[in-house]
């Protein structure tokens, strides 16, 4: 019997932690995020988006990053070489508040935060003003490619 080489299927998945939230157009979103990764010359590995509450993400921010602040997204990078993998935690209440503050549709703000996490997995940083400005340009570049 001859063994066949099997390639493991890598995927983008969506989960909830301590909230009820349903992402619309999951298939389209996965395709768009995978395309964004390809545009950065990387391959899609195993990526999990975990939608959660402010309280849950705040506790993670304190525990893992020693930041006692609210945030909209935290990214844990498990990438190796050109294979992008990681966990991206997103506070849905924070995204909703930001959408109101920045006068954006919730879906647009959520897409921005999701691609922001992907850009972190691709190696982009946002700690300095210069890096944050570059990150914002990358976000806008990929947001322009969302299929209608």
Foldseek 3Di string as FASTA:
>chain_A
DDDDDDDDDFFEEEEEDADDDDDPPPVLLRVLLQVLLVVLVAGEHHEYEYEYAQVVVQVCCCVPVVDNDGDAWDWDFPDDDRYTYTYIYGHLVVLVVVCVVVVHDSVLSVLLSVVLNVVVSSPQDCPDPVSVVVSVVSSVVSSVPRDD
